[in-house]
Amino acid sequence: MKKILYWGLILTLLVPVVAGASDVSSGLIAVASDEKTQPANVSSEAARCEYYMIFDSEGKLMDVIDNPYKDASGGAGTSAANFLGDKGVTVVIAESFGGKMTSAMKSKGITFYELKGKADDAVKEVVKLK
């Protein structure tokens, strides 16, 4: 009986790690940034950043897109999460996320990481999780 509980606990703990890793290997990575060119820093605010830097699953910069919700009077987090999900983003990186944005990303199956520093370095850290 102890072995069954032990293995059940191990599997329960491993499933989120494996699920997060597959998100990185199968979709795009968006990094919130207030700069359009590299080396850009990770923005302190996910929903109200100036730009989203879009990387492929290997960490190569594909595009930089304007955040259409940076000046929204309300609902920026939910709108930004939906916008990124519609673009094929499966991972979002920022220094911090609001509660509404995290809820919206969870409902869309988007994984998120709170990281600081340069966008390139943050993406490398996430790609390592594959």
Protein backbone atom coordinates (compact mmCIF):
# COMPACT_ATOMS: atom_id res chain seq x y z
CA MET A 1 0.00 0.00 0.00
CA LYS A 2 2.86 2.39 0.82
CA LYS A 3 4.44 1.70 -2.58
CA ILE A 4 1.21 2.60 -4.37
CA LEU A 5 0.92 5.88 -2.47
CA TYR A 6 4.59 6.61 -3.08
CA TRP A 7 4.35 6.07 -6.85
CA GLY A 8 1.05 7.92 -7.01
CA LEU A 9 2.70 10.93 -5.37
CA ILE A 10 5.70 10.75 -7.71
CA LEU A 11 3.47 10.64 -10.80
CA THR A 12 1.33 13.50 -9.50
CA LEU A 13 4.43 15.65 -9.06
CA LEU A 14 5.91 14.79 -12.46
CA VAL A 15 2.83 15.43 -14.61
CA PRO A 16 2.97 19.27 -14.37
CA VAL A 17 6.70 19.27 -15.20
CA VAL A 18 6.18 17.11 -18.28
CA ALA A 19 3.13 19.13 -19.35
CA GLY A 20 5.06 22.39 -19.09
CA ALA A 21 7.96 20.97 -21.05
CA SER A 22 5.69 19.93 -23.92
CA ASP A 23 4.27 23.47 -24.07
CA VAL A 24 7.76 24.78 -24.76
CA SER A 25 8.58 22.21 -27.43
CA SER A 26 5.36 22.56 -29.37
CA GLY A 27 4.55 26.26 -29.59
CA LEU A 28 5.75 29.83 -29.54
CA ILE A 29 7.26 31.68 -26.61
CA ALA A 30 6.26 35.31 -25.97
CA VAL A 31 8.40 37.60 -23.83
CA ALA A 32 6.87 40.81 -22.52
CA SER A 33 9.26 43.66 -23.31
CA ASP A 34 9.32 47.46 -23.30
CA GLU A 35 11.97 47.51 -26.02
CA LYS A 36 11.63 46.49 -29.65
CA THR A 37 15.24 45.58 -30.32
CA GLN A 38 17.68 43.16 -28.73
CA PRO A 39 19.06 42.99 -26.17
CA ALA A 40 15.73 43.77 -24.58
CA ASN A 41 14.86 43.33 -20.93
CA VAL A 42 11.89 41.31 -19.73
CA SER A 43 9.10 43.76 -18.87
CA SER A 44 7.86 44.13 -15.32
CA GLU A 45 4.24 43.93 -16.50
CA ALA A 46 2.95 41.19 -18.77
CA ALA A 47 -0.35 42.73 -19.82
CA ARG A 48 0.77 46.35 -20.20
CA CYS A 49 4.19 45.92 -21.80
CA GLU A 50 4.97 47.79 -25.01
CA TYR A 51 5.83 44.73 -27.09
CA TYR A 52 5.82 40.95 -27.18
CA MET A 53 8.95 39.33 -28.53
CA ILE A 54 7.95 36.06 -30.20
CA PHE A 55 10.45 33.19 -30.17
CA ASP A 56 10.18 29.73 -31.67
CA SER A 57 10.48 26.65 -29.48
CA GLU A 58 14.26 26.58 -30.04
CA GLY A 59 14.74 30.16 -28.79
CA LYS A 60 15.12 31.94 -32.14
CA LEU A 61 13.52 35.39 -32.33
CA MET A 62 10.77 35.27 -34.95
CA ASP A 63 8.93 38.58 -34.56
CA VAL A 64 8.29 41.56 -32.32
CA ILE A 65 4.66 42.66 -32.12
CA ASP A 66 3.05 45.70 -30.55
CA ASN A 67 0.85 45.03 -27.56
CA PRO A 68 -2.57 46.36 -28.59
CA TYR A 69 -3.76 46.31 -24.95
CA LYS A 70 -0.94 48.29 -23.31
CA ASP A 71 -3.19 51.35 -22.88
CA ALA A 72 -6.50 49.56 -22.31
CA SER A 73 -8.65 51.15 -19.61
CA GLY A 74 -9.58 47.71 -18.27
CA GLY A 75 -9.32 44.02 -19.07
CA ALA A 76 -5.78 44.22 -20.43
CA GLY A 77 -4.72 40.92 -18.86
CA THR A 78 -7.56 38.83 -20.24
CA SER A 79 -7.36 40.49 -23.64
CA ALA A 80 -3.58 40.08 -23.86
CA ALA A 81 -3.82 36.39 -22.91
CA ASN A 82 -6.45 35.78 -25.60
CA PHE A 83 -4.41 37.76 -28.15
CA LEU A 84 -1.26 35.70 -27.46
CA GLY A 85 -3.18 32.42 -27.48
CA ASP A 86 -4.66 33.29 -30.87
CA LYS A 87 -1.11 33.87 -32.16
CA GLY A 88 -0.11 30.31 -31.19
CA VAL A 89 1.81 31.26 -28.05
CA THR A 90 2.02 28.45 -25.50
CA VAL A 91 4.51 30.08 -23.10
CA VAL A 92 4.65 33.67 -21.81
CA ILE A 93 7.54 35.21 -19.87
CA ALA A 94 7.36 38.43 -17.83
CA GLU A 95 8.57 39.70 -14.46
CA SER A 96 5.04 39.64 -13.09
CA PHE A 97 1.48 38.74 -14.05
CA GLY A 98 -1.86 39.94 -12.77
CA GLY A 99 -4.47 37.53 -11.49
CA LYS A 100 -6.86 38.01 -14.41
CA MET A 101 -4.13 37.35 -16.95
CA THR A 102 -2.95 34.19 -15.17
CA SER A 103 -6.54 32.91 -15.01
CA ALA A 104 -7.04 33.59 -18.72
CA MET A 105 -3.75 31.91 -19.63
CA LYS A 106 -4.56 28.85 -17.52
CA SER A 107 -7.93 28.51 -19.25
CA LYS A 108 -6.18 28.63 -22.64
CA GLY A 109 -3.46 26.16 -21.61
CA ILE A 110 -0.69 28.77 -21.71
CA THR A 111 2.24 28.24 -19.36
CA PHE A 112 3.84 31.31 -17.80
CA TYR A 113 7.13 32.07 -16.07
CA GLU A 114 8.12 35.04 -13.93
CA LEU A 115 11.73 35.80 -14.87
CA LYS A 116 13.93 38.91 -14.82
CA GLY A 117 16.82 39.99 -17.00
CA LYS A 118 17.40 39.90 -20.73
CA ALA A 119 14.71 38.37 -22.94
CA ASP A 120 17.22 36.07 -24.68
CA ASP A 121 18.48 34.69 -21.38
CA ALA A 122 14.94 34.12 -20.09
CA VAL A 123 14.01 32.20 -23.24
CA LYS A 124 17.16 30.06 -22.93
CA GLU A 125 16.16 29.16 -19.37
CA VAL A 126 12.67 28.10 -20.49
CA VAL A 127 13.95 26.16 -23.53
CA LYS A 128 16.21 24.16 -21.19
CA LEU A 129 13.04 22.73 -19.60
CA LYS A 130 12.27 20.75 -22.77
